[in-house]
Amino acid sequence: MRVAIMQPYFFPYIGYFQLISAVDKFIIYDNIQYTKKGWINRNRMLQNGKDVMFSLPLKKDSDYLDVVEREISSDFKRVKLLNQIKGAYHRAPYFAQVFPLIKEIVENEDNNLFRYLQSSIMKACEYMGIETEIVVSSDIKVNHELKNQDKVIALCEAVDADIYVNAIGGKELYSQEDFRDKGINLKFIQSKSLEYHQFDKEFVPWLSIIDVMMFNSIDVTKECLNTGFELVEGE
């Protein structure tokens, strides 16, 4: 059983979906602390040849709450965000195919941050043909007071994982030996360089998955998901 564990993000870049596609079970954290300067409720898209930030505004609350305890602001103008995306990509070659998906995701009326993001990720996976089982971390019976690597190992053991795949950025956070002692092979996913036409402008890499889908056919997108990465061993 090959497993990955990540916090949810808003329209994340293709590497996030490559990670989901690369495993048999994807555990999505709901009971993890919200990080204010992270990518949980924001991302980047292309606008006039440059990357610009878009985000979900959140209700003001404690910075120490978990993602599942945070709420989207009642002032969130879904139409405004959709118009921003439409204005940026209406001339993209696959706009007509992709925008209905974006509209369905953004118009979700649930203001709970975790449920909103979970729904968006699952709908995007369905569109791209990713069939990986996605489960919520708090539904798994482990000691949820554990932190960092200890919690990851506990979750892996609880679902009988023999391979754990993590984003390459976490290579310094985990010990190959500690995982091996538990019978788990630790691997990291490394996305390959990806470049495509963006209105014949200079290419801006690693934008939201929205950008990939707008400029590439579903077949090309699926190819990038399935072959656009390699799994490397930890140290």
C-alpha atoms as a PDB file:
ATOM      1  CA  MET A   1       0.000   0.000   0.000  1.00  0.00           C
ATOM      2  CA  ARG A   2       1.525   3.278  -1.172  1.00  0.00           C
ATOM      3  CA  VAL A   3       0.354   6.274   0.903  1.00  0.00           C
ATOM      4  CA  ALA A   4       0.811  10.057   0.911  1.00  0.00           C
ATOM      5  CA  ILE A   5      -0.332  12.603   3.505  1.00  0.00           C
ATOM      6  CA  MET A   6      -0.781  16.328   2.910  1.00  0.00           C
ATOM      7  CA  GLN A   7      -2.715  19.324   4.121  1.00  0.00           C
ATOM      8  CA  PRO A   8      -5.318  20.707   1.711  1.00  0.00           C
ATOM      9  CA  TYR A   9      -4.535  23.555  -0.671  1.00  0.00           C
ATOM     10  CA  PHE A  10      -6.659  25.819  -2.870  1.00  0.00           C
ATOM     11  CA  PHE A  11      -6.260  24.841  -6.543  1.00  0.00           C
ATOM     12  CA  PRO A  12      -2.697  23.577  -5.875  1.00  0.00           C
ATOM     13  CA  TYR A  13      -0.009  23.180  -8.511  1.00  0.00           C
ATOM     14  CA  ILE A  14       0.321  20.006 -10.579  1.00  0.00           C
ATOM     15  CA  GLY A  15       2.889  18.467  -8.222  1.00  0.00           C
ATOM     16  CA  TYR A  16       0.190  18.102  -5.563  1.00  0.00           C
ATOM     17  CA  PHE A  17      -1.993  16.105  -7.951  1.00  0.00           C
ATOM     18  CA  GLN A  18       0.997  14.075  -9.128  1.00  0.00           C
ATOM     19  CA  LEU A  19       1.473  13.065  -5.499  1.00  0.00           C
ATOM     20  CA  ILE A  20      -2.172  11.987  -5.232  1.00  0.00           C
ATOM     21  CA  SER A  21      -1.912  10.092  -8.528  1.00  0.00           C
ATOM     22  CA  ALA A  22       1.294   8.325  -7.423  1.00  0.00           C
ATOM     23  CA  VAL A  23      -0.255   6.588  -4.402  1.00  0.00           C
ATOM     24  CA  ASP A  24      -3.037   4.138  -3.555  1.00  0.00           C
ATOM     25  CA  LYS A  25      -4.374   6.136  -0.610  1.00  0.00           C
ATOM     26  CA  PHE A  26      -4.109   9.878  -0.027  1.00  0.00           C
ATOM     27  CA  ILE A  27      -4.673  11.126   3.512  1.00  0.00           C
ATOM     28  CA  ILE A  28      -5.730  14.745   3.689  1.00  0.00           C
ATOM     29  CA  TYR A  29      -5.131  16.555   6.973  1.00  0.00           C
ATOM     30  CA  ASP A  30      -8.097  18.278   8.544  1.00  0.00           C
ATOM     31  CA  ASN A  31      -6.761  18.340  12.119  1.00  0.00           C
ATOM     32  CA  ILE A  32      -3.575  20.233  11.384  1.00  0.00           C
ATOM     33  CA  GLN A  33      -2.923  23.838  12.355  1.00  0.00           C
ATOM     34  CA  TYR A  34      -3.746  26.429   9.731  1.00  0.00           C
ATOM     35  CA  THR A  35      -0.613  28.209   8.501  1.00  0.00           C
ATOM     36  CA  LYS A  36      -1.207  31.845   7.702  1.00  0.00           C
ATOM     37  CA  LYS A  37       1.637  32.315   5.207  1.00  0.00           C
ATOM     38  CA  GLY A  38       1.260  28.948   3.490  1.00  0.00           C
ATOM     39  CA  TRP A  39      -0.739  27.904   0.450  1.00  0.00           C
ATOM     40  CA  ILE A  40      -3.823  26.487   2.145  1.00  0.00           C
ATOM     41  CA  ASN A  41      -6.206  29.198   0.988  1.00  0.00           C
ATOM     42  CA  ARG A  42      -4.275  30.896  -1.809  1.00  0.00           C
ATOM     43  CA  ASN A  43      -2.408  30.223  -5.033  1.00  0.00           C
ATOM     44  CA  ARG A  44      -1.083  31.854  -8.200  1.00  0.00           C
ATOM     45  CA  MET A  45      -2.496  32.189 -11.686  1.00  0.00           C
ATOM     46  CA  LEU A  46      -1.415  33.865 -14.906  1.00  0.00           C
ATOM     47  CA  GLN A  47      -2.681  37.361 -15.624  1.00  0.00           C
ATOM     48  CA  ASN A  48      -1.299  39.555 -18.398  1.00  0.00           C
ATOM     49  CA  GLY A  49       1.808  37.407 -18.648  1.00  0.00           C
ATOM     50  CA  LYS A  50       2.648  37.570 -14.943  1.00  0.00           C
ATOM     51  CA  ASP A  51       1.799  35.482 -11.892  1.00  0.00           C
ATOM     52  CA  VAL A  52      -0.788  36.999  -9.571  1.00  0.00           C
ATOM     53  CA  MET A  53      -2.129  35.736  -6.272  1.00  0.00           C
ATOM     54  CA  PHE A  54      -5.733  34.720  -5.706  1.00  0.00           C
ATOM     55  CA  SER A  55      -7.150  33.600  -2.375  1.00  0.00           C
ATOM     56  CA  LEU A  56     -10.040  32.584  -0.185  1.00  0.00           C
ATOM     57  CA  PRO A  57     -10.660  35.292   2.442  1.00  0.00           C
ATOM     58  CA  LEU A  58     -11.057  33.818   5.901  1.00  0.00           C
ATOM     59  CA  LYS A  59     -13.153  34.840   8.861  1.00  0.00           C
ATOM     60  CA  LYS A  60     -10.916  36.482  11.462  1.00  0.00           C
ATOM     61  CA  ASP A  61     -10.025  33.975  14.143  1.00  0.00           C
ATOM     62  CA  SER A  62      -7.169  32.560  16.197  1.00  0.00           C
ATOM     63  CA  ASP A  63      -4.033  31.631  14.265  1.00  0.00           C
ATOM     64  CA  TYR A  64      -3.811  28.465  16.375  1.00  0.00           C
ATOM     65  CA  LEU A  65      -6.959  26.788  15.072  1.00  0.00           C
ATOM     66  CA  ASP A  66      -6.837  23.689  12.897  1.00  0.00           C
ATOM     67  CA  VAL A  67      -7.832  23.920   9.244  1.00  0.00           C
ATOM     68  CA  VAL A  68     -11.155  22.214   9.977  1.00  0.00           C
ATOM     69  CA  GLU A  69     -11.945  24.926  12.538  1.00  0.00           C
ATOM     70  CA  ARG A  70     -11.448  27.830  10.141  1.00  0.00           C
ATOM     71  CA  GLU A  71     -14.269  29.452   8.194  1.00  0.00           C
ATOM     72  CA  ILE A  72     -14.345  31.291   4.885  1.00  0.00           C
ATOM     73  CA  SER A  73     -15.355  34.913   5.306  1.00  0.00           C
ATOM     74  CA  SER A  74     -18.987  35.774   4.729  1.00  0.00           C
ATOM     75  CA  ASP A  75     -17.627  38.596   2.545  1.00  0.00           C
ATOM     76  CA  PHE A  76     -16.140  36.141   0.033  1.00  0.00           C
ATOM     77  CA  LYS A  77     -17.400  37.221  -3.390  1.00  0.00           C
ATOM     78  CA  ARG A  78     -17.436  34.011  -5.401  1.00  0.00           C
ATOM     79  CA  VAL A  79     -18.530  35.825  -8.545  1.00  0.00           C
ATOM     80  CA  LYS A  80     -15.601  38.236  -8.232  1.00  0.00           C
ATOM     81  CA  LEU A  81     -13.086  35.386  -8.107  1.00  0.00           C
ATOM     82  CA  LEU A  82     -14.751  33.649 -11.042  1.00  0.00           C
ATOM     83  CA  ASN A  83     -14.639  36.859 -13.051  1.00  0.00           C
ATOM     84  CA  GLN A  84     -10.933  37.230 -12.230  1.00  0.00           C
ATOM     85  CA  ILE A  85     -10.230  33.709 -13.467  1.00  0.00           C
ATOM     86  CA  LYS A  86     -12.433  34.207 -16.519  1.00  0.00           C
ATOM     87  CA  GLY A  87     -10.712  37.467 -17.392  1.00  0.00           C
ATOM     88  CA  ALA A  88      -7.307  35.839 -17.110  1.00  0.00           C
ATOM     89  CA  TYR A  89      -8.051  32.695 -19.111  1.00  0.00           C
ATOM     90  CA  HIS A  90     -11.026  33.292 -21.423  1.00  0.00           C
ATOM     91  CA  ARG A  91      -8.710  33.116 -24.464  1.00  0.00           C
ATOM     92  CA  ALA A  92      -6.976  29.935 -23.295  1.00  0.00           C
ATOM     93  CA  PRO A  93      -7.476  26.951 -25.644  1.00  0.00           C
ATOM     94  CA  TYR A  94      -9.316  24.774 -23.103  1.00  0.00           C
ATOM     95  CA  PHE A  95     -11.266  27.469 -21.276  1.00  0.00           C
ATOM     96  CA  ALA A  96     -14.651  26.154 -22.440  1.00  0.00           C
ATOM     97  CA  GLN A  97     -13.908  22.682 -21.091  1.00  0.00           C
ATOM     98  CA  VAL A  98     -12.323  23.740 -17.797  1.00  0.00           C
ATOM     99  CA  PHE A  99     -14.281  26.789 -16.639  1.00  0.00           C
ATOM    100  CA  PRO A 100     -17.460  24.830 -15.759  1.00  0.00           C
ATOM    101  CA  LEU A 101     -15.356  22.790 -13.316  1.00  0.00           C
ATOM    102  CA  ILE A 102     -13.830  25.948 -11.819  1.00  0.00           C
ATOM    103  CA  LYS A 103     -17.289  27.474 -11.508  1.00  0.00           C
ATOM    104  CA  GLU A 104     -18.673  24.394  -9.748  1.00  0.00           C
ATOM    105  CA  ILE A 105     -15.774  24.372  -7.293  1.00  0.00           C
ATOM    106  CA  VAL A 106     -15.810  28.091  -6.485  1.00  0.00           C
ATOM    107  CA  GLU A 107     -19.603  28.285  -6.138  1.00  0.00           C
ATOM    108  CA  ASN A 108     -19.623  25.696  -3.361  1.00  0.00           C
ATOM    109  CA  GLU A 109     -21.618  27.412  -0.613  1.00  0.00           C
ATOM    110  CA  ASP A 110     -19.984  25.568   2.295  1.00  0.00           C
ATOM    111  CA  ASN A 111     -17.995  28.118   4.302  1.00  0.00           C
ATOM    112  CA  ASN A 112     -16.012  25.582   6.315  1.00  0.00           C
ATOM    113  CA  LEU A 113     -12.467  25.923   4.988  1.00  0.00           C
ATOM    114  CA  PHE A 114     -11.558  22.239   5.155  1.00  0.00           C
ATOM    115  CA  ARG A 115     -14.750  20.934   3.566  1.00  0.00           C
ATOM    116  CA  TYR A 116     -14.523  23.566   0.832  1.00  0.00           C
ATOM    117  CA  LEU A 117     -10.936  22.615  -0.014  1.00  0.00           C
ATOM    118  CA  GLN A 118     -11.595  18.885   0.270  1.00  0.00           C
ATOM    119  CA  SER A 119     -14.485  19.178  -2.170  1.00  0.00           C
ATOM    120  CA  SER A 120     -12.396  21.214  -4.612  1.00  0.00           C
ATOM    121  CA  ILE A 121      -9.556  18.683  -4.581  1.00  0.00           C
ATOM    122  CA  MET A 122     -11.878  15.729  -5.084  1.00  0.00           C
ATOM    123  CA  LYS A 123     -13.725  17.416  -7.951  1.00  0.00           C
ATOM    124  CA  ALA A 124     -10.439  18.288  -9.670  1.00  0.00           C
ATOM    125  CA  CYS A 125      -9.248  14.698  -9.229  1.00  0.00           C
ATOM    126  CA  GLU A 126     -12.469  13.388 -10.740  1.00  0.00           C
ATOM    127  CA  TYR A 127     -12.085  15.711 -13.742  1.00  0.00           C
ATOM    128  CA  MET A 128      -8.500  14.544 -14.306  1.00  0.00           C
ATOM    129  CA  GLY A 129      -9.331  10.865 -13.885  1.00  0.00           C
ATOM    130  CA  ILE A 130      -7.393  10.370 -10.636  1.00  0.00           C
ATOM    131  CA  GLU A 131      -8.926   7.354  -8.896  1.00  0.00           C
ATOM    132  CA  THR A 132      -6.809   7.350  -5.728  1.00  0.00           C
ATOM    133  CA  GLU A 133      -8.780   6.813  -2.525  1.00  0.00           C
ATOM    134  CA  ILE A 134      -8.859  10.040  -0.495  1.00  0.00           C
ATOM    135  CA  VAL A 135      -9.449   9.814   3.259  1.00  0.00           C
ATOM    136  CA  VAL A 136      -9.574  12.394   6.057  1.00  0.00           C
ATOM    137  CA  SER A 137      -6.890  12.216   8.743  1.00  0.00           C
ATOM    138  CA  SER A 138      -9.232  12.581  11.730  1.00  0.00           C
ATOM    139  CA  ASP A 139     -11.215   9.540  10.557  1.00  0.00           C
ATOM    140  CA  ILE A 140      -8.160   7.325  11.142  1.00  0.00           C
ATOM    141  CA  LYS A 141      -7.777   5.884  14.638  1.00  0.00           C
ATOM    142  CA  VAL A 142      -4.386   7.072  15.875  1.00  0.00           C
ATOM    143  CA  ASN A 143      -3.177   9.307  18.675  1.00  0.00           C
ATOM    144  CA  HIS A 144      -3.867  12.668  17.064  1.00  0.00           C
ATOM    145  CA  GLU A 145      -1.761  14.437  19.697  1.00  0.00           C
ATOM    146  CA  LEU A 146       1.329  13.124  17.910  1.00  0.00           C
ATOM    147  CA  LYS A 147       3.299  15.612  15.843  1.00  0.00           C
ATOM    148  CA  ASN A 148       5.334  15.695  12.637  1.00  0.00           C
ATOM    149  CA  GLN A 149       7.101  12.442  11.709  1.00  0.00           C
ATOM    150  CA  ASP A 150       5.586  10.517  14.627  1.00  0.00           C
ATOM    151  CA  LYS A 151       2.083  11.287  13.424  1.00  0.00           C
ATOM    152  CA  VAL A 152       2.941  10.448   9.811  1.00  0.00           C
ATOM    153  CA  ILE A 153       4.311   7.052  10.854  1.00  0.00           C
ATOM    154  CA  ALA A 154       1.267   6.379  13.045  1.00  0.00           C
ATOM    155  CA  LEU A 155      -1.102   7.178  10.174  1.00  0.00           C
ATOM    156  CA  CYS A 156       0.911   4.981   7.809  1.00  0.00           C
ATOM    157  CA  GLU A 157       0.819   2.070  10.263  1.00  0.00           C
ATOM    158  CA  ALA A 158      -2.923   2.518  10.799  1.00  0.00           C
ATOM    159  CA  VAL A 159      -3.650   2.073   7.071  1.00  0.00           C
ATOM    160  CA  ASP A 160      -1.051  -0.688   6.553  1.00  0.00           C
ATOM    161  CA  ALA A 161       1.229   1.386   4.344  1.00  0.00           C
ATOM    162  CA  ASP A 162       4.494  -0.198   3.257  1.00  0.00           C
ATOM    163  CA  ILE A 163       5.543   2.825   1.162  1.00  0.00           C
ATOM    164  CA  TYR A 164       5.175   6.451   2.230  1.00  0.00           C
ATOM    165  CA  VAL A 165       5.602   9.115  -0.459  1.00  0.00           C
ATOM    166  CA  ASN A 166       6.259  12.713   0.558  1.00  0.00           C
ATOM    167  CA  ALA A 167       6.814  15.926  -1.366  1.00  0.00           C
ATOM    168  CA  ILE A 168      10.494  16.494  -2.119  1.00  0.00           C
ATOM    169  CA  GLY A 169      10.492  19.629   0.012  1.00  0.00           C
ATOM    170  CA  GLY A 170      10.168  17.502   3.127  1.00  0.00           C
ATOM    171  CA  LYS A 171      13.343  15.527   2.550  1.00  0.00           C
ATOM    172  CA  GLU A 172      15.098  17.096   5.536  1.00  0.00           C
ATOM    173  CA  LEU A 173      12.173  16.446   7.876  1.00  0.00           C
ATOM    174  CA  TYR A 174      12.081  12.652   7.858  1.00  0.00           C
ATOM    175  CA  SER A 175      14.440   9.821   8.763  1.00  0.00           C
ATOM    176  CA  GLN A 176      14.684   6.890   6.361  1.00  0.00           C
ATOM    177  CA  GLU A 177      15.873   4.732   9.254  1.00  0.00           C
ATOM    178  CA  ASP A 178      12.884   5.567  11.459  1.00  0.00           C
ATOM    179  CA  PHE A 179      10.464   4.610   8.689  1.00  0.00           C
ATOM    180  CA  ARG A 180      12.439   1.467   7.850  1.00  0.00           C
ATOM    181  CA  ASP A 181      12.269   0.384  11.491  1.00  0.00           C
ATOM    182  CA  LYS A 182       8.490   0.372  11.117  1.00  0.00           C
ATOM    183  CA  GLY A 183       8.612  -1.589   7.849  1.00  0.00           C
ATOM    184  CA  ILE A 184       7.841   1.459   5.722  1.00  0.00           C
ATOM    185  CA  ASN A 185       9.875   2.478   2.672  1.00  0.00           C
ATOM    186  CA  LEU A 186      10.235   6.281   2.565  1.00  0.00           C
ATOM    187  CA  LYS A 187      10.201   7.862  -0.888  1.00  0.00           C
ATOM    188  CA  PHE A 188       9.986  11.414  -2.213  1.00  0.00           C
ATOM    189  CA  ILE A 189       8.267  12.699  -5.332  1.00  0.00           C
ATOM    190  CA  GLN A 190      10.238  14.978  -7.647  1.00  0.00           C
ATOM    191  CA  SER A 191       8.278  16.711 -10.393  1.00  0.00           C
ATOM    192  CA  LYS A 192       9.980  16.935 -13.759  1.00  0.00           C
ATOM    193  CA  SER A 193      10.300  20.262 -15.535  1.00  0.00           C
ATOM    194  CA  LEU A 194       7.030  21.181 -17.242  1.00  0.00           C
ATOM    195  CA  GLU A 195       6.644  23.859 -19.881  1.00  0.00           C
ATOM    196  CA  TYR A 196       3.818  24.725 -22.273  1.00  0.00           C
ATOM    197  CA  HIS A 197       2.533  27.713 -24.279  1.00  0.00           C
ATOM    198  CA  GLN A 198       0.937  30.493 -22.234  1.00  0.00           C
ATOM    199  CA  PHE A 199      -0.424  32.942 -24.828  1.00  0.00           C
ATOM    200  CA  ASP A 200       3.018  32.976 -26.486  1.00  0.00           C
ATOM    201  CA  LYS A 201       4.446  34.840 -23.491  1.00  0.00           C
ATOM    202  CA  GLU A 202       7.497  33.919 -21.437  1.00  0.00           C
ATOM    203  CA  PHE A 203       6.611  30.782 -19.502  1.00  0.00           C
ATOM    204  CA  VAL A 204       5.728  31.175 -15.818  1.00  0.00           C
ATOM    205  CA  PRO A 205       6.212  27.801 -14.058  1.00  0.00           C
ATOM    206  CA  TRP A 206       4.405  26.040 -11.207  1.00  0.00           C
ATOM    207  CA  LEU A 207       1.189  28.029 -11.198  1.00  0.00           C
ATOM    208  CA  SER A 208      -2.128  26.643  -9.967  1.00  0.00           C
ATOM    209  CA  ILE A 209      -3.504  23.515 -11.627  1.00  0.00           C
ATOM    210  CA  ILE A 210      -5.985  25.910 -13.234  1.00  0.00           C
ATOM    211  CA  ASP A 211      -3.198  27.116 -15.515  1.00  0.00           C
ATOM    212  CA  VAL A 212      -2.175  23.603 -16.553  1.00  0.00           C
ATOM    213  CA  MET A 213      -5.754  22.629 -17.400  1.00  0.00           C
ATOM    214  CA  MET A 214      -6.473  25.834 -19.291  1.00  0.00           C
ATOM    215  CA  PHE A 215      -3.513  25.406 -21.653  1.00  0.00           C
ATOM    216  CA  ASN A 216      -3.409  21.608 -22.043  1.00  0.00           C
ATOM    217  CA  SER A 217      -5.867  18.974 -23.200  1.00  0.00           C
ATOM    218  CA  ILE A 218      -7.135  16.512 -20.632  1.00  0.00           C
ATOM    219  CA  ASP A 219      -5.027  13.797 -22.283  1.00  0.00           C
ATOM    220  CA  VAL A 220      -1.836  15.859 -21.984  1.00  0.00           C
ATOM    221  CA  THR A 221      -2.722  16.778 -18.403  1.00  0.00           C
ATOM    222  CA  LYS A 222      -3.213  13.110 -17.520  1.00  0.00           C
ATOM    223  CA  GLU A 223       0.131  12.274 -19.129  1.00  0.00           C
ATOM    224  CA  CYS A 224       1.824  14.918 -16.977  1.00  0.00           C
ATOM    225  CA  LEU A 225       0.124  13.485 -13.896  1.00  0.00           C
ATOM    226  CA  ASN A 226       1.206   9.931 -14.621  1.00  0.00           C
ATOM    227  CA  THR A 227       4.720  10.373 -16.011  1.00  0.00           C
ATOM    228  CA  GLY A 228       5.811  13.911 -15.098  1.00  0.00           C
ATOM    229  CA  PHE A 229       7.613  12.910 -11.912  1.00  0.00           C
ATOM    230  CA  GLU A 230      10.034  10.438 -10.431  1.00  0.00           C
ATOM    231  CA  LEU A 231      10.165   8.811  -7.011  1.00  0.00           C
ATOM    232  CA  VAL A 232      13.504   9.059  -5.232  1.00  0.00           C
ATOM    233  CA  GLU A 233      14.792   7.411  -2.080  1.00  0.00           C
ATOM    234  CA  GLY A 234      15.300   9.277   1.155  1.00  0.00           C
ATOM    235  CA  GLU A 235      18.742   9.520   2.659  1.00  0.00           C
END
